[in-house]
Each structure stands twice: as structure tokens, then as C-alpha cells.
Amino acid sequence: MPPAELTVRQVMELHPVVVPAGTPIQAVVTLMHDRRIGSVLVVEGTRLVGIFTERDLLRNVSDAVPGWRDYPVSRWMTATPHTVPPDIGWDDAVGRMHALRVRHLPVVEDDAVVGVISARLLMGRREEYLTRRVEESTRQLRQANDQLIARDGEVLHSLRTAGRLQTKIMLPPAPPTRACLKWALHFEPLDHLGGDYYDFAEEPGRLGFLIADASGHSIAAAMVAMMARFAFTQAAPKSDPAAVLGAMNERLLEVAEERFVTAFYSVLDEATGVLRYAAAGHPYPLHFHKATGEVTPLVAQGFLLGVIPGEVYAVRCRQLAPGDVVVFTTDGVSEARNEIGAMYGTDRLTECLRINGNQSAEALLWLLMESLHDFRGDTPFGDDVTMAVLAVGECGP
């Protein structure tokens, strides 16, 4: 079958996310973040009345007044959106999206919504389709394939060099030395370049730690992670985690375009053991309490960096005691999958930490990663993976 015969029905998302027109914008944005999607369809009953996309959010939020999070999504949605039937060709769908200057189109058949297509989905599915055809035609394209292999070798060499430079330039060579604090760190990008990033900030008597994750992976994510590093360097050191994240957010608004960054920043007072922290859409770190053997998350709410101007981040506090442990991760840990597609999740990480929390930082990191690898088996990671273990000792004055 020639490439032009690939239809929308073959590449569309079969189960689009649908919300009622009265759903608050904050609930819809949270849903889009949790599901990692760029659009939702808005309905009244079973009738399609609009579509709400990341572009609708970005277009309206800069001029919004306080209270906009409670607006119904119908207020900011694109009403009566353009639609496409499922049996038109892939090329026709791409042409329509280009002509209409949209990135998402509902797919309608017999007045019913049967799917949704996006520019990213179309390109991804098209690439998979063409890859299969190339594999089937290898003998006929051997000469071109040999040239591509040679070119890929050059690109791979360049990526390896860039990856080594990224690790050397972006990541601290070693944690700051403290007799009362022991760190163990694991950084494993999915490709040669990664979007994960961590860093330290020192002040007299205080130690700050940032862990961040730029959306996606490889070159584009690495560039955004580098921008996040520059933003953090300009914002830190500050003893107020919310101020640091707020400053990073404003800086990334200028440079991150449609990508975003999740982050968790904490500052430990070495004399009192009080950990002050704030989060921007990042997975919650886990706190092992030596006295009770319990594990609890460091919960903090805050929107992603680089999306909403003027976002205010809340500071929370946690008292750490000698023998306590805090484990920081990026979502590549919890979202790692095994051969049947199940995710590792937070519960397995929590249980492993609860059982092994009395180990040294290095030993605990090894056990946590071993648990992750045992669960995953031969299934490759789907994202960059970063884990940091902080073990607290006697830090008094």
C-alpha cells in the first residue's frame, strides 16, 4: 500500500479525553498534565461544542485576572472546532491542519466523535509506517541505507561527545562535602543527551538541592534542561525555595517556548534539620523516618515551570532527624515499565525504601536501582532516569 493511502482512521487516537463544558479550567489543565496530552474535547451531553488545547491556555492566561482557574473551560475553549472524517488520507489531514493553522482536530463520523488527531500523533504514526516500508525495501535501498548508516555513525559520535559534555558541564562533579550529610546520585539519560538535571546551592549553614526534568528527552529536552540550569544559577542561592522556583519560571517563560520543566527545590538548615521545599509539578520525594520506620512523601503543589506567568509557589517544611533519608527522583523511575506494560510506580519504591532505609546512602541507592531493574527486566527505559539519596547524620551547631 503506498504511503498516501494511510488514512486518519489508522493513525487517530481512538479514545479522546472528553470533558463537560462547565468543567473548571484548573481541573482540565491538571487532567491534561496528568494524561500528558495537548488537548481535550468539550461536550454538552454527547454534542461536541469545542476543543481546549495548550495553545488556548497560553493565549488566554497571560491576560487573565485572578480566579481564572475556576472559569468553565467553555470560556477559553475554541468553539465549534473544525473536524475531519476518519476515512480521508493522511496527506489530506496534514494539509487541512496546515491550512487551518491548528494542531488538533476531532474526528467525527455520523455526528459522533470517534477520535482525535494531532500534528505530533500524525507525524509519529507516519514515521512508524514509513519505517516499516523502509525495512521491507532494504534490498532495493541498500546503497542509500549504507550511506545513512555512515551518516548515523557520524551523528552518534557527535551525540556521544555532546552527552559527555552535558554531564561534565551541567551536573556538579560531586555533592558538597558535609560530615553530617551523605549523598548518592544516579543519572541515566535515555539517549546520549537527557532532559533530567540536578544541582546544589550552598549558603552558610544551608544546603539547597534542585532536581528537575525537562519535557521529552534527547536533544530538545537537553537544551531546555540547560536553560533551566542557567535559570537556577541566576536564582540561587536563596533560602526561599518558592522564590527560586518563581524566578526560574519567569526566566523559562522567555526561552522554553512550548516545552516545560518540572522541578523540586529544597533547602536544608544544617543546624536545625528543617527542610524547606517547594515543587513545580515534580514527583514527590520520599522521606524515611528512622524513628518510626515509616515512609511519607514531601507533598507540595505548584504548576510546571515555563508555562504560566506570575505563578506563585508554596513553601512546605519537614523536620529531619539523624538517620532519616530523603529519596528524590524524576518520573522516569515511577513510569518505568516491565514486559507486560505495568509501571513500577511509587508504591514499590516506597516499600523498598521502608525495608532498606537504615542502609548507607550508597547501599540504599544500589538497592533501589536494583529493585527497579529487577521489575523492568529486559524492557528498556522510556525516559531519562535520575535518583538522589540524602542520608542525614548529626548536623548540630
Protein backbone atom coordinates (compact mmCIF):
# COMPACT_ATOMS: atom_id res chain seq x y z
CA MET A 1 0.00 0.00 0.00
CA PRO A 2 1.53 3.34 -1.00
CA PRO A 3 2.11 5.88 1.77
CA ALA A 4 -0.65 8.23 0.50
CA GLU A 5 -3.29 5.56 1.26
CA LEU A 6 -2.69 5.74 5.02
CA THR A 7 -5.95 7.10 6.48
CA VAL A 8 -6.88 9.12 9.54
CA ARG A 9 -8.72 6.09 10.96
CA GLN A 10 -5.43 4.18 11.05
CA VAL A 11 -3.50 6.86 12.93
CA MET A 12 -6.05 8.69 15.13
CA GLU A 13 -6.28 8.45 18.91
CA LEU A 14 -9.30 6.18 19.46
CA HIS A 15 -10.16 7.32 22.97
CA PRO A 16 -10.00 11.12 23.14
CA VAL A 17 -10.38 12.76 26.54
CA VAL A 18 -13.78 14.46 26.82
CA VAL A 19 -14.94 16.96 29.48
CA PRO A 20 -18.26 18.77 30.07
CA ALA A 21 -18.39 22.44 29.09
CA GLY A 22 -18.74 23.52 32.71
CA THR A 23 -15.53 21.86 33.93
CA PRO A 24 -13.19 24.38 35.66
CA ILE A 25 -10.10 25.29 33.66
CA GLN A 26 -7.78 24.24 36.53
CA ALA A 27 -9.30 20.74 36.53
CA VAL A 28 -8.86 20.49 32.75
CA VAL A 29 -5.24 21.71 32.87
CA THR A 30 -4.48 19.21 35.65
CA LEU A 31 -6.08 16.43 33.59
CA MET A 32 -4.01 17.37 30.53
CA HIS A 33 -0.84 17.38 32.65
CA ASP A 34 -1.61 14.04 34.30
CA ARG A 35 -2.52 12.38 30.97
CA ARG A 36 0.32 14.14 29.11
CA ILE A 37 -1.96 15.29 26.31
CA GLY A 38 -2.17 18.54 24.39
CA SER A 39 -5.96 18.83 24.00
CA VAL A 40 -9.35 17.78 25.38
CA LEU A 41 -12.71 17.77 23.62
CA VAL A 42 -15.52 19.77 25.22
CA VAL A 43 -19.09 18.44 25.05
CA GLU A 44 -22.60 19.27 26.12
CA GLY A 45 -24.27 15.93 26.59
CA THR A 46 -22.98 13.97 23.62
CA ARG A 47 -22.64 17.02 21.32
CA LEU A 48 -19.16 18.33 20.54
CA VAL A 49 -19.09 22.07 21.28
CA GLY A 50 -15.39 22.89 21.39
CA ILE A 51 -11.78 21.89 21.89
CA PHE A 52 -9.37 23.14 24.56
CA THR A 53 -5.64 22.97 23.77
CA GLU A 54 -2.33 24.07 25.23
CA ARG A 55 -2.46 26.96 22.74
CA ASP A 56 -5.84 28.09 24.16
CA LEU A 57 -4.30 28.12 27.65
CA LEU A 58 -1.20 30.04 26.62
CA ARG A 59 -3.22 32.53 24.56
CA ASN A 60 -5.55 33.43 27.44
CA VAL A 61 -3.56 33.01 30.63
CA SER A 62 -1.18 35.94 30.19
CA ASP A 63 -4.07 38.44 30.36
CA ALA A 64 -6.20 36.51 32.84
CA VAL A 65 -7.34 38.01 36.14
CA PRO A 66 -7.21 36.19 39.49
CA GLY A 67 -9.83 33.48 39.67
CA TRP A 68 -9.37 32.28 36.10
CA ARG A 69 -8.71 28.75 37.30
CA ASP A 70 -12.39 28.47 38.28
CA TYR A 71 -13.69 29.65 34.88
CA PRO A 72 -15.60 26.97 32.94
CA VAL A 73 -13.49 25.54 30.15
CA SER A 74 -16.12 26.75 27.67
CA ARG A 75 -14.90 30.30 28.34
CA TRP A 76 -11.41 29.66 26.91
CA MET A 77 -12.06 26.80 24.51
CA THR A 78 -12.11 27.07 20.73
CA ALA A 79 -15.82 26.80 19.98
CA THR A 80 -17.30 24.80 17.08
CA PRO A 81 -13.92 23.39 16.09
CA HIS A 82 -13.06 22.14 12.64
CA THR A 83 -13.40 18.36 12.31
CA VAL A 84 -12.32 15.67 9.85
CA PRO A 85 -13.89 12.36 8.81
CA PRO A 86 -11.93 9.19 9.62
CA ASP A 87 -11.50 7.89 6.07
CA ILE A 88 -9.60 10.77 4.45
CA GLY A 89 -5.95 10.24 3.67
CA TRP A 90 -3.05 11.14 5.94
CA ASP A 91 -1.78 13.71 3.46
CA ASP A 92 -5.21 15.34 3.26
CA ALA A 93 -5.37 15.57 7.09
CA VAL A 94 -1.93 17.15 7.27
CA GLY A 95 -2.91 19.63 4.56
CA ARG A 96 -6.08 20.62 6.41
CA MET A 97 -4.23 21.13 9.70
CA HIS A 98 -1.67 23.28 7.91
CA ALA A 99 -4.32 25.35 6.10
CA LEU A 100 -6.38 25.83 9.28
CA ARG A 101 -3.23 26.53 11.36
CA VAL A 102 -4.31 24.07 14.08
CA ARG A 103 -2.51 21.21 15.79
CA HIS A 104 -5.51 19.17 16.93
CA LEU A 105 -8.64 18.07 15.03
CA PRO A 106 -11.57 15.98 16.33
CA VAL A 107 -12.50 13.05 14.09
CA VAL A 108 -16.28 12.80 13.54
CA GLU A 109 -18.31 10.06 11.83
CA ASP A 110 -22.12 10.09 11.62
CA ASP A 111 -22.23 13.11 14.00
CA ALA A 112 -20.31 11.16 16.67
CA VAL A 113 -16.79 11.81 17.88
CA VAL A 114 -14.71 8.71 17.13
CA GLY A 115 -11.20 10.02 17.75
CA VAL A 116 -8.81 12.94 17.63
CA ILE A 117 -5.66 13.64 15.65
CA SER A 118 -2.75 15.92 16.43
CA ALA A 119 0.25 17.06 14.44
CA ARG A 120 2.53 15.14 16.79
CA LEU A 121 0.41 11.98 16.52
CA LEU A 122 0.22 12.17 12.73
CA MET A 123 3.94 12.61 12.35
CA GLY A 124 4.74 9.88 14.87
CA ARG A 125 2.43 7.31 13.30
CA ARG A 126 3.57 8.30 9.82
CA GLU A 127 7.20 7.79 10.83
CA GLU A 128 6.39 4.31 12.17
CA TYR A 129 4.59 3.45 8.93
CA LEU A 130 7.40 4.65 6.72
CA THR A 131 9.98 2.85 8.88
CA ARG A 132 8.20 -0.46 8.24
CA ARG A 133 8.19 0.20 4.50
CA VAL A 134 11.89 1.04 4.54
CA GLU A 135 12.61 -2.24 6.35
CA GLU A 136 10.60 -4.14 3.71
CA SER A 137 12.55 -2.45 0.90
CA THR A 138 16.05 -2.84 2.38
CA ARG A 139 17.45 -4.86 -0.53
CA GLN A 140 16.32 -2.24 -3.08
CA LEU A 141 17.69 0.63 -0.99
CA ARG A 142 20.96 -0.98 0.11
CA GLN A 143 23.19 1.73 -1.27
CA ALA A 144 21.11 4.52 0.29
CA ASN A 145 20.96 2.53 3.53
CA ASP A 146 24.74 2.24 3.62
CA GLN A 147 25.02 5.99 3.25
CA LEU A 148 22.54 6.52 6.06
CA ILE A 149 24.47 4.13 8.31
CA ALA A 150 27.64 6.11 7.71
CA ARG A 151 25.82 9.34 8.45
CA ASP A 152 24.23 7.84 11.56
CA GLY A 153 27.68 6.88 12.75
CA GLU A 154 28.80 10.48 12.50
CA VAL A 155 25.66 11.69 14.29
CA LEU A 156 26.07 9.05 17.01
CA HIS A 157 29.67 10.11 17.57
CA SER A 158 28.55 13.73 17.85
CA LEU A 159 25.76 12.81 20.28
CA ARG A 160 28.16 10.81 22.46
CA THR A 161 30.53 13.76 22.60
CA ALA A 162 27.65 16.12 23.39
CA GLY A 163 26.42 13.74 26.09
CA ARG A 164 29.82 13.67 27.79
CA LEU A 165 29.99 17.46 27.65
CA GLN A 166 26.46 17.76 29.06
CA THR A 167 27.33 15.59 32.05
CA LYS A 168 30.60 17.44 32.62
CA ILE A 169 29.20 20.96 32.25
CA MET A 170 25.65 20.71 33.60
CA LEU A 171 25.96 18.32 36.53
CA PRO A 172 28.04 19.03 39.64
CA PRO A 173 31.14 16.80 39.77
CA ALA A 174 30.33 15.77 43.34
CA PRO A 175 27.91 16.74 46.12
CA PRO A 176 29.10 19.45 48.54
CA THR A 177 31.08 17.92 51.38
CA ARG A 178 29.26 17.78 54.73
CA ALA A 179 30.22 15.46 57.57
CA CYS A 180 26.58 15.16 58.60
CA LEU A 181 25.13 14.61 55.11
CA LYS A 182 25.79 11.71 52.76
CA TRP A 183 24.65 11.78 49.14
CA ALA A 184 24.35 9.08 46.49
CA LEU A 185 23.36 10.00 42.93
CA HIS A 186 22.33 8.14 39.77
CA PHE A 187 21.89 9.89 36.40
CA GLU A 188 20.92 7.80 33.36
CA PRO A 189 19.67 9.63 30.24
CA LEU A 190 17.55 7.64 27.81
CA ASP A 191 19.65 8.86 24.88
CA HIS A 192 23.13 10.30 24.86
CA LEU A 193 21.58 13.65 25.81
CA GLY A 194 18.96 13.94 28.54
CA GLY A 195 16.39 16.33 29.96
CA ASP A 196 16.98 15.49 33.64
CA TYR A 197 19.06 17.83 35.74
CA TYR A 198 20.12 18.24 39.37
CA ASP A 199 22.23 20.81 41.17
CA PHE A 200 23.27 22.15 44.56
CA ALA A 201 23.35 25.66 46.04
CA GLU A 202 25.39 26.47 49.13
CA GLU A 203 24.88 29.15 51.75
CA PRO A 204 26.46 29.37 55.23
CA GLY A 205 24.68 26.73 57.29
CA ARG A 206 22.27 25.80 54.47
CA LEU A 207 22.37 23.45 51.51
CA GLY A 208 19.95 23.66 48.59
CA PHE A 209 19.21 20.79 46.20
CA LEU A 210 17.32 21.04 42.90
CA ILE A 211 16.06 18.15 40.81
CA ALA A 212 14.35 18.97 37.51
CA ASP A 213 13.02 17.28 34.38
CA ALA A 214 12.51 18.97 31.01
CA SER A 215 9.66 17.54 28.95
CA GLY A 216 10.70 14.92 26.42
CA HIS A 217 14.23 13.61 26.03
CA SER A 218 17.26 13.74 23.75
CA ILE A 219 18.46 16.98 22.11
CA ALA A 220 15.42 19.22 22.58
CA ALA A 221 14.99 18.24 26.24
CA ALA A 222 18.72 18.68 26.87
CA MET A 223 18.56 22.23 25.54
CA VAL A 224 15.65 23.09 27.82
CA ALA A 225 17.46 21.45 30.76
CA MET A 226 20.45 23.66 30.01
CA MET A 227 18.17 26.72 30.07
CA ALA A 228 16.83 25.51 33.43
CA ARG A 229 20.40 25.29 34.73
CA PHE A 230 21.12 28.87 33.72
CA ALA A 231 17.85 30.00 35.31
CA PHE A 232 18.72 28.18 38.55
CA THR A 233 22.23 29.63 38.61
CA GLN A 234 20.73 33.12 38.37
CA ALA A 235 18.07 32.44 41.04
CA ALA A 236 20.16 30.56 43.64
CA PRO A 237 21.42 30.59 46.28
CA LYS A 238 18.30 31.75 48.11
CA SER A 239 16.91 30.30 51.31
CA ASP A 240 13.34 30.62 50.00
CA PRO A 241 12.56 27.67 47.67
CA ALA A 242 9.41 29.38 46.37
CA ALA A 243 11.39 32.44 45.31
CA VAL A 244 13.89 30.26 43.43
CA LEU A 245 11.18 28.39 41.52
CA GLY A 246 9.32 31.64 40.83
CA ALA A 247 12.45 33.22 39.36
CA MET A 248 13.17 30.12 37.27
CA ASN A 249 9.59 30.12 36.00
CA GLU A 250 9.80 33.71 34.77
CA ARG A 251 13.14 33.05 33.09
CA LEU A 252 11.95 29.90 31.33
CA LEU A 253 8.83 31.67 30.04
CA GLU A 254 11.14 33.64 27.78
CA VAL A 255 13.09 30.75 26.32
CA ALA A 256 11.33 27.37 26.71
CA GLU A 257 8.60 28.07 24.09
CA GLU A 258 6.08 25.19 24.22
CA ARG A 259 8.19 22.92 26.41
CA PHE A 260 8.05 22.88 30.19
CA VAL A 261 10.11 21.82 33.19
CA THR A 262 9.11 20.07 36.40
CA ALA A 263 11.24 20.82 39.45
CA PHE A 264 11.56 20.26 43.18
CA TYR A 265 13.81 22.55 45.21
CA SER A 266 14.64 22.09 48.90
CA VAL A 267 16.87 23.94 51.35
CA LEU A 268 18.18 22.16 54.46
CA ASP A 269 19.09 24.14 57.59
CA GLU A 270 22.03 22.12 58.87
CA ALA A 271 21.74 23.38 62.44
CA THR A 272 18.05 22.59 62.96
CA GLY A 273 17.48 19.81 60.41
CA VAL A 274 14.47 21.67 58.99
CA LEU A 275 13.96 21.07 55.27
CA ARG A 276 12.05 23.83 53.45
CA TYR A 277 10.84 22.91 49.97
CA ALA A 278 8.62 23.81 47.02
CA ALA A 279 7.57 21.93 43.89
CA ALA A 280 6.64 22.71 40.30
CA GLY A 281 4.72 19.66 39.07
CA HIS A 282 7.52 17.27 40.06
CA PRO A 283 7.20 13.79 41.62
CA TYR A 284 7.17 14.00 45.41
CA PRO A 285 10.39 12.90 47.15
CA LEU A 286 10.05 10.19 49.81
CA HIS A 287 11.09 10.69 53.45
CA PHE A 288 12.16 7.68 55.53
CA HIS A 289 11.67 8.36 59.28
CA LYS A 290 14.27 6.34 61.17
CA ALA A 291 12.41 6.68 64.49
CA THR A 292 9.22 5.03 63.18
CA GLY A 293 10.36 3.20 60.04
CA GLU A 294 7.60 4.97 58.08
CA VAL A 295 7.94 6.50 54.61
CA THR A 296 5.96 9.64 53.74
CA PRO A 297 6.03 11.88 50.64
CA LEU A 298 7.14 15.51 50.68
CA VAL A 299 3.91 16.85 49.21
CA ALA A 300 3.96 20.30 47.63
CA GLN A 301 1.75 21.84 44.95
CA GLY A 302 2.90 24.11 42.15
CA PHE A 303 2.48 24.43 38.39
CA LEU A 304 5.11 23.49 35.82
CA LEU A 305 7.93 25.93 35.10
CA GLY A 306 7.80 27.94 31.90
CA VAL A 307 4.02 27.89 31.33
CA ILE A 308 2.10 30.41 33.46
CA PRO A 309 3.45 33.92 34.16
CA GLY A 310 3.48 35.01 37.78
CA GLU A 311 2.86 31.53 39.20
CA VAL A 312 3.20 31.52 43.00
CA TYR A 313 4.81 28.50 44.65
CA ALA A 314 4.06 27.45 48.22
CA VAL A 315 6.78 26.53 50.73
CA ARG A 316 6.37 23.50 52.99
CA CYS A 317 8.60 22.34 55.85
CA ARG A 318 9.68 18.94 57.15
CA GLN A 319 11.79 18.21 60.23
CA LEU A 320 14.58 15.75 59.50
CA ALA A 321 16.29 13.78 62.25
CA PRO A 322 19.61 11.89 62.33
CA GLY A 323 19.20 8.60 60.50
CA ASP A 324 16.42 9.93 58.24
CA VAL A 325 16.68 9.54 54.47
CA VAL A 326 15.15 11.51 51.61
CA VAL A 327 14.94 9.99 48.10
CA PHE A 328 14.46 12.35 45.12
CA THR A 329 13.55 11.02 41.65
CA THR A 330 12.37 12.07 38.22
CA ASP A 331 9.29 10.44 36.67
CA GLY A 332 11.45 8.09 34.62
CA VAL A 333 11.68 5.97 37.80
CA SER A 334 7.98 5.61 38.66
CA GLU A 335 6.94 5.35 35.00
CA ALA A 336 9.42 2.59 34.07
CA ARG A 337 7.52 -0.40 32.66
CA ASN A 338 8.03 -4.15 32.60
CA GLU A 339 7.42 -6.61 29.78
CA ILE A 340 3.62 -6.59 30.24
CA GLY A 341 3.42 -2.79 30.32
CA ALA A 342 2.87 -2.36 34.08
CA MET A 343 4.52 0.68 35.67
CA TYR A 344 6.98 0.46 38.56
CA GLY A 345 5.04 3.17 40.39
CA THR A 346 5.61 4.89 43.72
CA ASP A 347 4.38 2.05 45.96
CA ARG A 348 7.24 -0.29 45.02
CA LEU A 349 9.79 2.46 45.57
CA THR A 350 8.20 3.31 48.93
CA GLU A 351 8.27 -0.30 50.11
CA CYS A 352 11.89 -0.81 49.07
CA LEU A 353 12.84 2.37 50.95
CA ARG A 354 10.87 1.29 54.03
CA ILE A 355 12.69 -2.05 54.16
CA ASN A 356 16.17 -0.69 53.43
CA GLY A 357 16.06 2.83 54.87
CA ASN A 358 18.70 2.05 57.51
CA GLN A 359 21.34 1.35 54.86
CA SER A 360 24.06 3.83 53.89
CA ALA A 361 23.26 6.27 51.10
CA GLU A 362 25.33 4.37 48.53
CA ALA A 363 23.95 0.97 49.56
CA LEU A 364 20.38 2.25 49.56
CA LEU A 365 20.76 3.77 46.09
CA TRP A 366 22.08 0.46 44.80
CA LEU A 367 19.15 -1.45 46.36
CA LEU A 368 16.56 0.97 44.99
CA MET A 369 18.01 0.79 41.48
CA GLU A 370 18.28 -2.98 41.77
CA SER A 371 14.58 -3.14 42.66
CA LEU A 372 13.80 -1.03 39.59
CA HIS A 373 15.96 -3.18 37.28
CA ASP A 374 14.51 -6.44 38.67
CA PHE A 375 10.99 -5.16 37.98
CA ARG A 376 11.85 -3.89 34.50
CA GLY A 377 13.74 -6.97 33.33
CA ASP A 378 14.87 -6.54 29.73
CA THR A 379 12.35 -3.80 28.97
CA PRO A 380 14.24 -0.58 28.13
CA PHE A 381 13.56 2.64 29.97
CA GLY A 382 11.11 5.01 28.31
CA ASP A 383 12.54 8.20 29.78
CA ASP A 384 15.58 9.68 31.48
CA VAL A 385 16.14 8.30 35.00
CA THR A 386 17.61 10.27 37.90
CA MET A 387 17.67 9.33 41.58
CA ALA A 388 19.31 11.10 44.52
CA VAL A 389 19.56 9.73 48.06
CA LEU A 390 20.23 12.03 51.03
CA ALA A 391 21.13 10.38 54.35
CA VAL A 392 21.09 12.71 57.39
CA GLY A 393 23.51 12.42 60.30
CA GLU A 394 24.17 14.60 63.34
CA CYS A 395 24.33 18.15 61.97
CA GLY A 396 24.06 20.27 65.10
CA PRO A 397 25.86 23.59 65.61
